[in-house]
Amino acid sequence: MHPSQVLFQNQLQPTLLPVCDHYAGSEKLMRKSMSLQKSLGPIFDITFDCEDGAATGNEAGHAHLVTELLNSDENLFGRIGVRVHDVTHHAFQQDIRILLSGSTEKLAYIVLPKINSVQDVLRAAEQINQFQGTEKQRPVPLHVLIETHEALANVMAIAAIPQVECLSFGIMDFVSAHVGAIPGDAMHSPGQFTHPLVVRAKSELAAACHRYGKTPSHNVTTEIANKEVAAQDALLAKNQLGYTRMWSIHPDQISAIVNNMSPQHDEIMQAHEILQLARQQNWGPIQFQGRLHDRASYRYFWTVLKRAELSAIPLPDKARELL
């Protein structure tokens, strides 16, 4: 049996996505992002933006451009998604009709902004699935933005929806929704990792994702002049709040996020050694460097190797055999 079959018996196997989600709205930036993904490989996702990327009155033209790029030969890996207008916007149905009018094989996911309730997600999913025609193919995965009081209050139920594979935190809208009760400096570091209401919101989102095997995606770093800020935010989001993915809004942020969100060398080698010993014992308990390990910790170390694989980190041959 494959290790995943042994280790995840009666356990929910988590959704694993690239650790960085890079947003691009204009044609120039979308093409630049595709070129960078072509160079680096699918170690990061790209999200084309119809919501903020389209000029008012040109929503249809922008959606056609996004669809053209999405279905072009430049989309080598099928790891590009699209943020559409919110479900109450007049351009929502137009976005999805244009996006799904042709092949959807290269569309990695659809991002739903300004969600307030489970009903909003289900209504959007129903319309998307009708346009797609899902009888013969898997429905397009949904990524949901959690950025309102109502969405946070319903975050567990939203994460439980099968078609949802990722929840993203929208910090600027969330802070703004408090009409001054949370100071503006909580939109960025260090405040975003210390203010109790912001930390609570991020923690609840991450907990909901991990309960249902979904991916929690951390908000943007608005500081684009210094990529080290994004690098530090990624490290804190991963180590303090349990996030396994983060937005990028500038090409220089991509490598910083990938490097700090991905497993580190020592952790990868430890996971490799422990899993090799475990396999030799037919996945029974083992002792490693004076500590006991069993299938509970094996699941953790197996996901370490899977995340390293997603980030194109070189692995020992025997480690790749486990994946």
C-alpha atoms as a PDB file:
ATOM      1  CA  MET A   1       0.000   0.000   0.000  1.00  0.00           C
ATOM      2  CA  HIS A   2       1.086   3.557  -0.680  1.00  0.00           C
ATOM      3  CA  PRO A   3       2.119   5.424   2.497  1.00  0.00           C
ATOM      4  CA  SER A   4      -0.805   7.825   2.079  1.00  0.00           C
ATOM      5  CA  GLN A   5      -3.183   4.853   2.216  1.00  0.00           C
ATOM      6  CA  VAL A   6      -1.544   3.515   5.355  1.00  0.00           C
ATOM      7  CA  LEU A   7      -1.128   6.786   7.214  1.00  0.00           C
ATOM      8  CA  PHE A   8      -4.488   8.369   6.412  1.00  0.00           C
ATOM      9  CA  GLN A   9      -6.802   5.423   7.064  1.00  0.00           C
ATOM     10  CA  ASN A  10      -9.956   6.947   8.589  1.00  0.00           C
ATOM     11  CA  GLN A  11      -8.158  10.304   8.509  1.00  0.00           C
ATOM     12  CA  LEU A  12      -8.888  13.334   6.350  1.00  0.00           C
ATOM     13  CA  GLN A  13      -6.052  13.808   3.851  1.00  0.00           C
ATOM     14  CA  PRO A  14      -5.405  17.563   3.543  1.00  0.00           C
ATOM     15  CA  THR A  15      -5.528  19.588   0.354  1.00  0.00           C
ATOM     16  CA  LEU A  16      -1.967  20.571  -0.556  1.00  0.00           C
ATOM     17  CA  LEU A  17      -1.446  23.653  -2.727  1.00  0.00           C
ATOM     18  CA  PRO A  18       1.634  25.688  -3.707  1.00  0.00           C
ATOM     19  CA  VAL A  19       2.651  27.939  -0.812  1.00  0.00           C
ATOM     20  CA  CYS A  20       2.424  31.204  -2.754  1.00  0.00           C
ATOM     21  CA  ASP A  21      -0.546  32.713  -4.594  1.00  0.00           C
ATOM     22  CA  HIS A  22       0.531  35.635  -6.798  1.00  0.00           C
ATOM     23  CA  TYR A  23      -2.145  38.153  -7.844  1.00  0.00           C
ATOM     24  CA  ALA A  24      -2.007  40.031 -11.159  1.00  0.00           C
ATOM     25  CA  GLY A  25      -4.690  42.241 -12.705  1.00  0.00           C
ATOM     26  CA  SER A  26      -3.391  44.146 -15.730  1.00  0.00           C
ATOM     27  CA  GLU A  27      -2.443  42.486 -19.023  1.00  0.00           C
ATOM     28  CA  LYS A  28       1.195  43.484 -18.565  1.00  0.00           C
ATOM     29  CA  LEU A  29       1.399  41.980 -15.073  1.00  0.00           C
ATOM     30  CA  MET A  30      -0.535  38.847 -16.007  1.00  0.00           C
ATOM     31  CA  ARG A  31       1.839  38.130 -18.888  1.00  0.00           C
ATOM     32  CA  LYS A  32       4.854  38.884 -16.685  1.00  0.00           C
ATOM     33  CA  SER A  33       3.550  36.464 -14.050  1.00  0.00           C
ATOM     34  CA  MET A  34       3.087  33.700 -16.615  1.00  0.00           C
ATOM     35  CA  SER A  35       6.616  34.244 -17.876  1.00  0.00           C
ATOM     36  CA  LEU A  36       7.953  34.003 -14.333  1.00  0.00           C
ATOM     37  CA  GLN A  37       5.988  30.821 -13.654  1.00  0.00           C
ATOM     38  CA  LYS A  38       7.343  29.384 -16.889  1.00  0.00           C
ATOM     39  CA  SER A  39      10.867  30.119 -15.649  1.00  0.00           C
ATOM     40  CA  LEU A  40      10.511  28.973 -12.023  1.00  0.00           C
ATOM     41  CA  GLY A  41       8.003  26.173 -12.526  1.00  0.00           C
ATOM     42  CA  PRO A  42       4.671  25.649 -10.706  1.00  0.00           C
ATOM     43  CA  ILE A  43       6.110  26.451  -7.274  1.00  0.00           C
ATOM     44  CA  PHE A  44       3.565  29.278  -7.015  1.00  0.00           C
ATOM     45  CA  ASP A  45       0.034  29.798  -8.261  1.00  0.00           C
ATOM     46  CA  ILE A  46      -1.138  32.835 -10.204  1.00  0.00           C
ATOM     47  CA  THR A  47      -4.528  34.455  -9.670  1.00  0.00           C
ATOM     48  CA  PHE A  48      -5.751  36.643 -12.516  1.00  0.00           C
ATOM     49  CA  ASP A  49      -7.950  39.388 -11.103  1.00  0.00           C
ATOM     50  CA  CYS A  50     -11.282  40.266 -12.692  1.00  0.00           C
ATOM     51  CA  GLU A  51     -12.564  42.087  -9.612  1.00  0.00           C
ATOM     52  CA  ASP A  52      -9.931  44.791  -9.151  1.00  0.00           C
ATOM     53  CA  GLY A  53      -8.202  44.299 -12.490  1.00  0.00           C
ATOM     54  CA  ALA A  54     -11.120  45.338 -14.705  1.00  0.00           C
ATOM     55  CA  ALA A  55     -11.787  49.015 -15.385  1.00  0.00           C
ATOM     56  CA  THR A  56     -15.377  50.090 -14.721  1.00  0.00           C
ATOM     57  CA  GLY A  57     -17.406  49.454 -17.850  1.00  0.00           C
ATOM     58  CA  ASN A  58     -14.829  47.041 -19.293  1.00  0.00           C
ATOM     59  CA  GLU A  59     -15.632  44.024 -17.156  1.00  0.00           C
ATOM     60  CA  ALA A  60     -16.537  41.854 -20.164  1.00  0.00           C
ATOM     61  CA  GLY A  61     -13.457  42.854 -22.152  1.00  0.00           C
ATOM     62  CA  HIS A  62     -11.197  42.089 -19.207  1.00  0.00           C
ATOM     63  CA  ALA A  63     -12.839  38.704 -18.625  1.00  0.00           C
ATOM     64  CA  HIS A  64     -12.284  37.820 -22.299  1.00  0.00           C
ATOM     65  CA  LEU A  65      -8.600  38.799 -21.997  1.00  0.00           C
ATOM     66  CA  VAL A  66      -8.222  36.669 -18.840  1.00  0.00           C
ATOM     67  CA  THR A  67      -9.854  33.710 -20.587  1.00  0.00           C
ATOM     68  CA  GLU A  68      -7.591  34.107 -23.622  1.00  0.00           C
ATOM     69  CA  LEU A  69      -4.467  34.103 -21.452  1.00  0.00           C
ATOM     70  CA  LEU A  70      -5.754  31.264 -19.303  1.00  0.00           C
ATOM     71  CA  ASN A  71      -6.311  29.001 -22.311  1.00  0.00           C
ATOM     72  CA  SER A  72      -3.109  30.007 -24.119  1.00  0.00           C
ATOM     73  CA  ASP A  73      -0.028  27.855 -24.566  1.00  0.00           C
ATOM     74  CA  GLU A  74       1.726  30.111 -22.025  1.00  0.00           C
ATOM     75  CA  ASN A  75      -0.305  28.482 -19.258  1.00  0.00           C
ATOM     76  CA  LEU A  76       2.038  25.524 -19.026  1.00  0.00           C
ATOM     77  CA  PHE A  77       1.094  23.989 -15.704  1.00  0.00           C
ATOM     78  CA  GLY A  78      -2.632  24.594 -15.195  1.00  0.00           C
ATOM     79  CA  ARG A  79      -1.887  26.473 -11.967  1.00  0.00           C
ATOM     80  CA  ILE A  80      -3.678  29.740 -12.712  1.00  0.00           C
ATOM     81  CA  GLY A  81      -6.943  30.711 -11.041  1.00  0.00           C
ATOM     82  CA  VAL A  82      -9.224  33.736 -11.400  1.00  0.00           C
ATOM     83  CA  ARG A  83     -10.810  36.080  -8.885  1.00  0.00           C
ATOM     84  CA  VAL A  84     -14.246  37.036 -10.185  1.00  0.00           C
ATOM     85  CA  HIS A  85     -16.588  39.813  -9.069  1.00  0.00           C
ATOM     86  CA  ASP A  86     -18.628  39.074  -5.954  1.00  0.00           C
ATOM     87  CA  VAL A  87     -21.830  37.098  -6.259  1.00  0.00           C
ATOM     88  CA  THR A  88     -24.028  40.209  -5.828  1.00  0.00           C
ATOM     89  CA  HIS A  89     -22.206  42.216  -8.536  1.00  0.00           C
ATOM     90  CA  HIS A  90     -23.833  42.634 -11.935  1.00  0.00           C
ATOM     91  CA  ALA A  91     -20.666  41.280 -13.613  1.00  0.00           C
ATOM     92  CA  PHE A  92     -20.496  38.012 -11.622  1.00  0.00           C
ATOM     93  CA  GLN A  93     -22.514  35.858 -14.026  1.00  0.00           C
ATOM     94  CA  GLN A  94     -20.834  37.541 -16.968  1.00  0.00           C
ATOM     95  CA  ASP A  95     -17.393  36.673 -15.533  1.00  0.00           C
ATOM     96  CA  ILE A  96     -18.147  33.010 -15.050  1.00  0.00           C
ATOM     97  CA  ARG A  97     -20.018  32.669 -18.362  1.00  0.00           C
ATOM     98  CA  ILE A  98     -16.988  34.018 -20.242  1.00  0.00           C
ATOM     99  CA  LEU A  99     -14.459  32.055 -18.176  1.00  0.00           C
ATOM    100  CA  LEU A 100     -16.331  28.769 -18.516  1.00  0.00           C
ATOM    101  CA  SER A 101     -17.515  29.154 -22.108  1.00  0.00           C
ATOM    102  CA  GLY A 102     -14.551  27.174 -23.405  1.00  0.00           C
ATOM    103  CA  SER A 103     -12.342  24.510 -21.866  1.00  0.00           C
ATOM    104  CA  THR A 104     -11.924  24.611 -18.095  1.00  0.00           C
ATOM    105  CA  GLU A 105      -9.052  22.124 -17.971  1.00  0.00           C
ATOM    106  CA  LYS A 106      -6.491  24.877 -17.400  1.00  0.00           C
ATOM    107  CA  LEU A 107      -8.530  26.799 -14.802  1.00  0.00           C
ATOM    108  CA  ALA A 108      -7.080  25.846 -11.417  1.00  0.00           C
ATOM    109  CA  TYR A 109      -9.722  27.543  -9.232  1.00  0.00           C
ATOM    110  CA  ILE A 110     -12.142  30.458  -8.899  1.00  0.00           C
ATOM    111  CA  VAL A 111     -11.764  32.973  -6.062  1.00  0.00           C
ATOM    112  CA  LEU A 112     -14.973  34.314  -4.509  1.00  0.00           C
ATOM    113  CA  PRO A 113     -14.593  37.738  -2.822  1.00  0.00           C
ATOM    114  CA  LYS A 114     -16.851  39.516  -0.295  1.00  0.00           C
ATOM    115  CA  ILE A 115     -18.585  36.360   0.881  1.00  0.00           C
ATOM    116  CA  ASN A 116     -20.884  36.802   3.870  1.00  0.00           C
ATOM    117  CA  SER A 117     -22.540  33.424   4.332  1.00  0.00           C
ATOM    118  CA  VAL A 118     -22.664  29.763   3.420  1.00  0.00           C
ATOM    119  CA  GLN A 119     -25.606  30.616   1.172  1.00  0.00           C
ATOM    120  CA  ASP A 120     -23.418  33.062  -0.794  1.00  0.00           C
ATOM    121  CA  VAL A 121     -20.900  30.297  -1.497  1.00  0.00           C
ATOM    122  CA  LEU A 122     -23.551  27.739  -2.396  1.00  0.00           C
ATOM    123  CA  ARG A 123     -25.323  30.190  -4.703  1.00  0.00           C
ATOM    124  CA  ALA A 124     -22.042  31.007  -6.459  1.00  0.00           C
ATOM    125  CA  ALA A 125     -21.127  27.314  -6.696  1.00  0.00           C
ATOM    126  CA  GLU A 126     -24.498  26.444  -8.197  1.00  0.00           C
ATOM    127  CA  GLN A 127     -24.157  29.052 -10.925  1.00  0.00           C
ATOM    128  CA  ILE A 128     -20.531  28.147 -11.646  1.00  0.00           C
ATOM    129  CA  ASN A 129     -21.383  24.449 -11.906  1.00  0.00           C
ATOM    130  CA  GLN A 130     -24.313  25.163 -14.224  1.00  0.00           C
ATOM    131  CA  PHE A 131     -22.105  27.134 -16.598  1.00  0.00           C
ATOM    132  CA  GLN A 132     -19.342  24.537 -16.403  1.00  0.00           C
ATOM    133  CA  GLY A 133     -21.567  21.516 -16.842  1.00  0.00           C
ATOM    134  CA  THR A 134     -19.982  19.233 -14.260  1.00  0.00           C
ATOM    135  CA  GLU A 135     -21.629  15.972 -15.281  1.00  0.00           C
ATOM    136  CA  LYS A 136     -18.444  14.708 -16.941  1.00  0.00           C
ATOM    137  CA  GLN A 137     -15.763  16.611 -15.039  1.00  0.00           C
ATOM    138  CA  ARG A 138     -14.731  17.713 -11.576  1.00  0.00           C
ATOM    139  CA  PRO A 139     -16.273  21.031 -10.495  1.00  0.00           C
ATOM    140  CA  VAL A 140     -13.840  23.940 -10.473  1.00  0.00           C
ATOM    141  CA  PRO A 141     -12.396  24.290  -6.935  1.00  0.00           C
ATOM    142  CA  LEU A 142     -13.443  27.399  -5.038  1.00  0.00           C
ATOM    143  CA  HIS A 143     -11.241  29.721  -2.962  1.00  0.00           C
ATOM    144  CA  VAL A 144     -13.205  31.932  -0.584  1.00  0.00           C
ATOM    145  CA  LEU A 145     -12.143  35.305   0.787  1.00  0.00           C
ATOM    146  CA  ILE A 146     -12.911  35.737   4.483  1.00  0.00           C
ATOM    147  CA  GLU A 147     -12.951  39.498   5.030  1.00  0.00           C
ATOM    148  CA  THR A 148     -16.236  40.395   6.746  1.00  0.00           C
ATOM    149  CA  HIS A 149     -17.760  39.875  10.199  1.00  0.00           C
ATOM    150  CA  GLU A 150     -20.401  37.583   8.712  1.00  0.00           C
ATOM    151  CA  ALA A 151     -17.900  35.424   6.825  1.00  0.00           C
ATOM    152  CA  LEU A 152     -15.781  34.972   9.948  1.00  0.00           C
ATOM    153  CA  ALA A 153     -18.865  34.017  11.964  1.00  0.00           C
ATOM    154  CA  ASN A 154     -19.607  31.289   9.387  1.00  0.00           C
ATOM    155  CA  VAL A 155     -16.026  30.235   8.665  1.00  0.00           C
ATOM    156  CA  MET A 156     -16.393  26.641   9.910  1.00  0.00           C
ATOM    157  CA  ALA A 157     -19.474  26.017   7.786  1.00  0.00           C
ATOM    158  CA  ILE A 158     -17.835  27.622   4.744  1.00  0.00           C
ATOM    159  CA  ALA A 159     -14.725  25.458   5.144  1.00  0.00           C
ATOM    160  CA  ALA A 160     -16.959  22.370   5.307  1.00  0.00           C
ATOM    161  CA  ILE A 161     -18.341  22.902   1.769  1.00  0.00           C
ATOM    162  CA  PRO A 162     -16.754  20.140  -0.366  1.00  0.00           C
ATOM    163  CA  GLN A 163     -16.040  22.308  -3.425  1.00  0.00           C
ATOM    164  CA  VAL A 164     -14.094  24.823  -1.313  1.00  0.00           C
ATOM    165  CA  GLU A 165     -10.380  23.982  -1.176  1.00  0.00           C
ATOM    166  CA  CYS A 166      -8.893  27.218   0.235  1.00  0.00           C
ATOM    167  CA  LEU A 167      -9.857  30.118   2.488  1.00  0.00           C
ATOM    168  CA  SER A 168      -7.976  33.420   2.255  1.00  0.00           C
ATOM    169  CA  PHE A 169      -7.911  36.184   4.856  1.00  0.00           C
ATOM    170  CA  GLY A 170      -8.603  39.709   3.598  1.00  0.00           C
ATOM    171  CA  ILE A 171      -7.011  41.847   6.276  1.00  0.00           C
ATOM    172  CA  MET A 172      -7.669  45.343   4.923  1.00  0.00           C
ATOM    173  CA  ASP A 173     -11.410  44.827   4.477  1.00  0.00           C
ATOM    174  CA  PHE A 174     -11.592  43.059   7.837  1.00  0.00           C
ATOM    175  CA  VAL A 175      -9.850  45.878   9.715  1.00  0.00           C
ATOM    176  CA  SER A 176     -11.886  48.512   7.870  1.00  0.00           C
ATOM    177  CA  ALA A 177     -15.099  46.727   8.865  1.00  0.00           C
ATOM    178  CA  HIS A 178     -14.350  47.670  12.474  1.00  0.00           C
ATOM    179  CA  VAL A 179     -14.806  51.378  11.615  1.00  0.00           C
ATOM    180  CA  GLY A 180     -11.806  52.572  13.604  1.00  0.00           C
ATOM    181  CA  ALA A 181     -12.054  50.183  16.551  1.00  0.00           C
ATOM    182  CA  ILE A 182      -8.954  48.416  15.217  1.00  0.00           C
ATOM    183  CA  PRO A 183      -6.129  50.851  14.375  1.00  0.00           C
ATOM    184  CA  GLY A 184      -4.922  51.083  10.795  1.00  0.00           C
ATOM    185  CA  ASP A 185      -1.459  49.788  11.686  1.00  0.00           C
ATOM    186  CA  ALA A 186      -3.042  46.371  12.314  1.00  0.00           C
ATOM    187  CA  MET A 187      -3.261  46.034   8.512  1.00  0.00           C
ATOM    188  CA  HIS A 188       0.466  45.358   8.418  1.00  0.00           C
ATOM    189  CA  SER A 189       3.287  44.082  10.617  1.00  0.00           C
ATOM    190  CA  PRO A 190       3.889  44.024  13.484  1.00  0.00           C
ATOM    191  CA  GLY A 191       0.305  44.951  14.393  1.00  0.00           C
ATOM    192  CA  GLN A 192      -1.293  42.228  12.291  1.00  0.00           C
ATOM    193  CA  PHE A 193       0.416  39.594  14.438  1.00  0.00           C
ATOM    194  CA  THR A 194      -0.272  41.238  17.800  1.00  0.00           C
ATOM    195  CA  HIS A 195      -3.737  42.824  17.726  1.00  0.00           C
ATOM    196  CA  PRO A 196      -6.095  40.369  19.503  1.00  0.00           C
ATOM    197  CA  LEU A 197      -9.043  40.754  17.128  1.00  0.00           C
ATOM    198  CA  VAL A 198      -6.893  40.253  14.028  1.00  0.00           C
ATOM    199  CA  VAL A 199      -5.018  37.299  15.520  1.00  0.00           C
ATOM    200  CA  ARG A 200      -8.336  35.760  16.601  1.00  0.00           C
ATOM    201  CA  ALA A 201      -9.749  36.086  13.077  1.00  0.00           C
ATOM    202  CA  LYS A 202      -6.665  34.577  11.456  1.00  0.00           C
ATOM    203  CA  SER A 203      -6.599  31.746  13.991  1.00  0.00           C
ATOM    204  CA  GLU A 204     -10.264  30.881  13.474  1.00  0.00           C
ATOM    205  CA  LEU A 205      -9.795  30.783   9.711  1.00  0.00           C
ATOM    206  CA  ALA A 206      -6.758  28.503   9.986  1.00  0.00           C
ATOM    207  CA  ALA A 207      -8.503  26.224  12.495  1.00  0.00           C
ATOM    208  CA  ALA A 208     -11.526  25.857  10.211  1.00  0.00           C
ATOM    209  CA  CYS A 209      -9.303  24.956   7.280  1.00  0.00           C
ATOM    210  CA  HIS A 210      -7.356  22.334   9.198  1.00  0.00           C
ATOM    211  CA  ARG A 211     -10.534  20.802  10.573  1.00  0.00           C
ATOM    212  CA  TYR A 212     -11.824  20.132   7.055  1.00  0.00           C
ATOM    213  CA  GLY A 213      -8.547  19.512   5.220  1.00  0.00           C
ATOM    214  CA  LYS A 214      -8.549  22.843   3.375  1.00  0.00           C
ATOM    215  CA  THR A 215      -5.669  25.295   2.779  1.00  0.00           C
ATOM    216  CA  PRO A 216      -5.476  28.535   4.794  1.00  0.00           C
ATOM    217  CA  SER A 217      -3.979  31.400   2.773  1.00  0.00           C
ATOM    218  CA  HIS A 218      -2.511  34.410   4.568  1.00  0.00           C
ATOM    219  CA  ASN A 219      -3.201  37.992   3.513  1.00  0.00           C
ATOM    220  CA  VAL A 220      -0.962  40.263   1.463  1.00  0.00           C
ATOM    221  CA  THR A 221       2.080  42.180   2.609  1.00  0.00           C
ATOM    222  CA  THR A 222       1.484  45.719   1.361  1.00  0.00           C
ATOM    223  CA  GLU A 223       5.150  46.669   1.743  1.00  0.00           C
ATOM    224  CA  ILE A 224       6.507  46.019  -1.760  1.00  0.00           C
ATOM    225  CA  ALA A 225       9.755  47.991  -1.623  1.00  0.00           C
ATOM    226  CA  ASN A 226      11.362  45.525   0.791  1.00  0.00           C
ATOM    227  CA  LYS A 227      10.802  41.830   0.108  1.00  0.00           C
ATOM    228  CA  GLU A 228      12.230  40.931   3.524  1.00  0.00           C
ATOM    229  CA  VAL A 229       8.998  42.177   5.094  1.00  0.00           C
ATOM    230  CA  ALA A 230       7.023  39.600   3.085  1.00  0.00           C
ATOM    231  CA  ALA A 231       9.587  36.954   4.034  1.00  0.00           C
ATOM    232  CA  GLN A 232       9.177  37.682   7.743  1.00  0.00           C
ATOM    233  CA  ASP A 233       5.376  37.807   7.457  1.00  0.00           C
ATOM    234  CA  ALA A 234       5.394  34.413   5.750  1.00  0.00           C
ATOM    235  CA  LEU A 235       7.516  32.925   8.517  1.00  0.00           C
ATOM    236  CA  LEU A 236       5.242  34.286  11.255  1.00  0.00           C
ATOM    237  CA  ALA A 237       2.093  33.199   9.426  1.00  0.00           C
ATOM    238  CA  LYS A 238       3.427  29.659   9.094  1.00  0.00           C
ATOM    239  CA  ASN A 239       5.018  29.211  12.515  1.00  0.00           C
ATOM    240  CA  GLN A 240       2.619  31.174  14.730  1.00  0.00           C
ATOM    241  CA  LEU A 241      -0.757  30.864  13.012  1.00  0.00           C
ATOM    242  CA  GLY A 242      -0.659  27.627  11.018  1.00  0.00           C
ATOM    243  CA  TYR A 243      -0.945  29.087   7.516  1.00  0.00           C
ATOM    244  CA  THR A 244       0.409  27.028   4.622  1.00  0.00           C
ATOM    245  CA  ARG A 245      -0.050  29.550   1.816  1.00  0.00           C
ATOM    246  CA  MET A 246       0.268  33.317   1.343  1.00  0.00           C
ATOM    247  CA  TRP A 247      -0.635  35.986  -1.201  1.00  0.00           C
ATOM    248  CA  SER A 248       1.950  37.853  -3.240  1.00  0.00           C
ATOM    249  CA  ILE A 249       1.220  41.197  -4.926  1.00  0.00           C
ATOM    250  CA  HIS A 250       4.682  41.869  -6.344  1.00  0.00           C
ATOM    251  CA  PRO A 251       7.031  39.511  -8.244  1.00  0.00           C
ATOM    252  CA  ASP A 252       9.816  40.172  -5.719  1.00  0.00           C
ATOM    253  CA  GLN A 253       7.628  38.739  -2.953  1.00  0.00           C
ATOM    254  CA  ILE A 254       7.250  35.328  -4.612  1.00  0.00           C
ATOM    255  CA  SER A 255      10.664  33.868  -3.816  1.00  0.00           C
ATOM    256  CA  ALA A 256      10.597  35.337  -0.302  1.00  0.00           C
ATOM    257  CA  ILE A 257       7.256  33.659   0.425  1.00  0.00           C
ATOM    258  CA  VAL A 258       8.180  30.348  -1.208  1.00  0.00           C
ATOM    259  CA  ASN A 259      11.473  30.151   0.685  1.00  0.00           C
ATOM    260  CA  ASN A 260       9.925  30.798   4.093  1.00  0.00           C
ATOM    261  CA  MET A 261       6.609  28.985   3.680  1.00  0.00           C
ATOM    262  CA  SER A 262       8.237  25.805   2.357  1.00  0.00           C
ATOM    263  CA  PRO A 263       9.794  23.135   4.599  1.00  0.00           C
ATOM    264  CA  GLN A 264      13.424  23.791   5.498  1.00  0.00           C
ATOM    265  CA  HIS A 265      16.333  21.452   4.741  1.00  0.00           C
ATOM    266  CA  ASP A 266      16.797  20.085   8.275  1.00  0.00           C
ATOM    267  CA  GLU A 267      13.076  19.370   8.607  1.00  0.00           C
ATOM    268  CA  ILE A 268      13.022  17.587   5.242  1.00  0.00           C
ATOM    269  CA  MET A 269      15.989  15.379   6.099  1.00  0.00           C
ATOM    270  CA  GLN A 270      14.521  14.509   9.483  1.00  0.00           C
ATOM    271  CA  ALA A 271      11.212  13.581   7.843  1.00  0.00           C
ATOM    272  CA  HIS A 272      13.052  11.423   5.309  1.00  0.00           C
ATOM    273  CA  GLU A 273      14.999   9.507   7.967  1.00  0.00           C
ATOM    274  CA  ILE A 274      11.985   8.944  10.214  1.00  0.00           C
ATOM    275  CA  LEU A 275       9.762   7.710   7.378  1.00  0.00           C
ATOM    276  CA  GLN A 276      12.442   5.343   6.074  1.00  0.00           C
ATOM    277  CA  LEU A 277      12.737   3.781   9.520  1.00  0.00           C
ATOM    278  CA  ALA A 278       8.961   3.627   9.814  1.00  0.00           C
ATOM    279  CA  ARG A 279       8.629   1.862   6.476  1.00  0.00           C
ATOM    280  CA  GLN A 280      11.192  -0.717   7.569  1.00  0.00           C
ATOM    281  CA  GLN A 281       8.970  -1.392  10.597  1.00  0.00           C
ATOM    282  CA  ASN A 282       5.837  -1.653   8.439  1.00  0.00           C
ATOM    283  CA  TRP A 283       4.674   1.681   9.873  1.00  0.00           C
ATOM    284  CA  GLY A 284       4.762   0.475  13.467  1.00  0.00           C
ATOM    285  CA  PRO A 285       6.174   2.658  16.271  1.00  0.00           C
ATOM    286  CA  ILE A 286       9.884   3.520  16.182  1.00  0.00           C
ATOM    287  CA  GLN A 287      12.424   5.386  18.289  1.00  0.00           C
ATOM    288  CA  PHE A 288      14.401   8.145  16.636  1.00  0.00           C
ATOM    289  CA  GLN A 289      17.007  10.188  18.494  1.00  0.00           C
ATOM    290  CA  GLY A 290      15.460   9.244  21.812  1.00  0.00           C
ATOM    291  CA  ARG A 291      11.880  10.078  20.849  1.00  0.00           C
ATOM    292  CA  LEU A 292       8.937   7.824  20.081  1.00  0.00           C
ATOM    293  CA  HIS A 293       7.167   8.158  16.730  1.00  0.00           C
ATOM    294  CA  ASP A 294       4.058   6.447  15.382  1.00  0.00           C
ATOM    295  CA  ARG A 295       1.524   6.982  12.624  1.00  0.00           C
ATOM    296  CA  ALA A 296       0.369  10.290  14.065  1.00  0.00           C
ATOM    297  CA  SER A 297       3.802  11.838  13.607  1.00  0.00           C
ATOM    298  CA  TYR A 298       4.357   9.908  10.355  1.00  0.00           C
ATOM    299  CA  ARG A 299       1.409  11.790   8.859  1.00  0.00           C
ATOM    300  CA  TYR A 300       3.062  15.052   9.784  1.00  0.00           C
ATOM    301  CA  PHE A 301       6.425  14.101   8.303  1.00  0.00           C
ATOM    302  CA  TRP A 302       4.834  12.718   5.120  1.00  0.00           C
ATOM    303  CA  THR A 303       3.133  16.075   4.525  1.00  0.00           C
ATOM    304  CA  VAL A 304       6.505  17.781   5.065  1.00  0.00           C
ATOM    305  CA  LEU A 305       7.876  15.811   2.116  1.00  0.00           C
ATOM    306  CA  LYS A 306       4.767  16.511   0.015  1.00  0.00           C
ATOM    307  CA  ARG A 307       5.062  20.241   0.659  1.00  0.00           C
ATOM    308  CA  ALA A 308       8.739  20.127  -0.243  1.00  0.00           C
ATOM    309  CA  GLU A 309       7.835  18.371  -3.494  1.00  0.00           C
ATOM    310  CA  LEU A 310       5.292  21.104  -4.317  1.00  0.00           C
ATOM    311  CA  SER A 311       8.009  23.722  -3.852  1.00  0.00           C
ATOM    312  CA  ALA A 312      10.366  21.796  -6.161  1.00  0.00           C
ATOM    313  CA  ILE A 313      12.888  21.215  -3.363  1.00  0.00           C
ATOM    314  CA  PRO A 314      15.291  18.374  -4.302  1.00  0.00           C
ATOM    315  CA  LEU A 315      14.524  15.211  -2.345  1.00  0.00           C
ATOM    316  CA  PRO A 316      16.532  12.004  -1.867  1.00  0.00           C
ATOM    317  CA  ASP A 317      15.477   9.246  -4.268  1.00  0.00           C
ATOM    318  CA  LYS A 318      14.098   7.091  -1.456  1.00  0.00           C
ATOM    319  CA  ALA A 319      12.062  10.036  -0.168  1.00  0.00           C
ATOM    320  CA  ARG A 320      10.453  10.489  -3.597  1.00  0.00           C
ATOM    321  CA  GLU A 321       9.469   6.817  -3.521  1.00  0.00           C
ATOM    322  CA  LEU A 322       7.238   7.578  -0.528  1.00  0.00           C
ATOM    323  CA  LEU A 323       5.264  10.209  -2.428  1.00  0.00           C
END
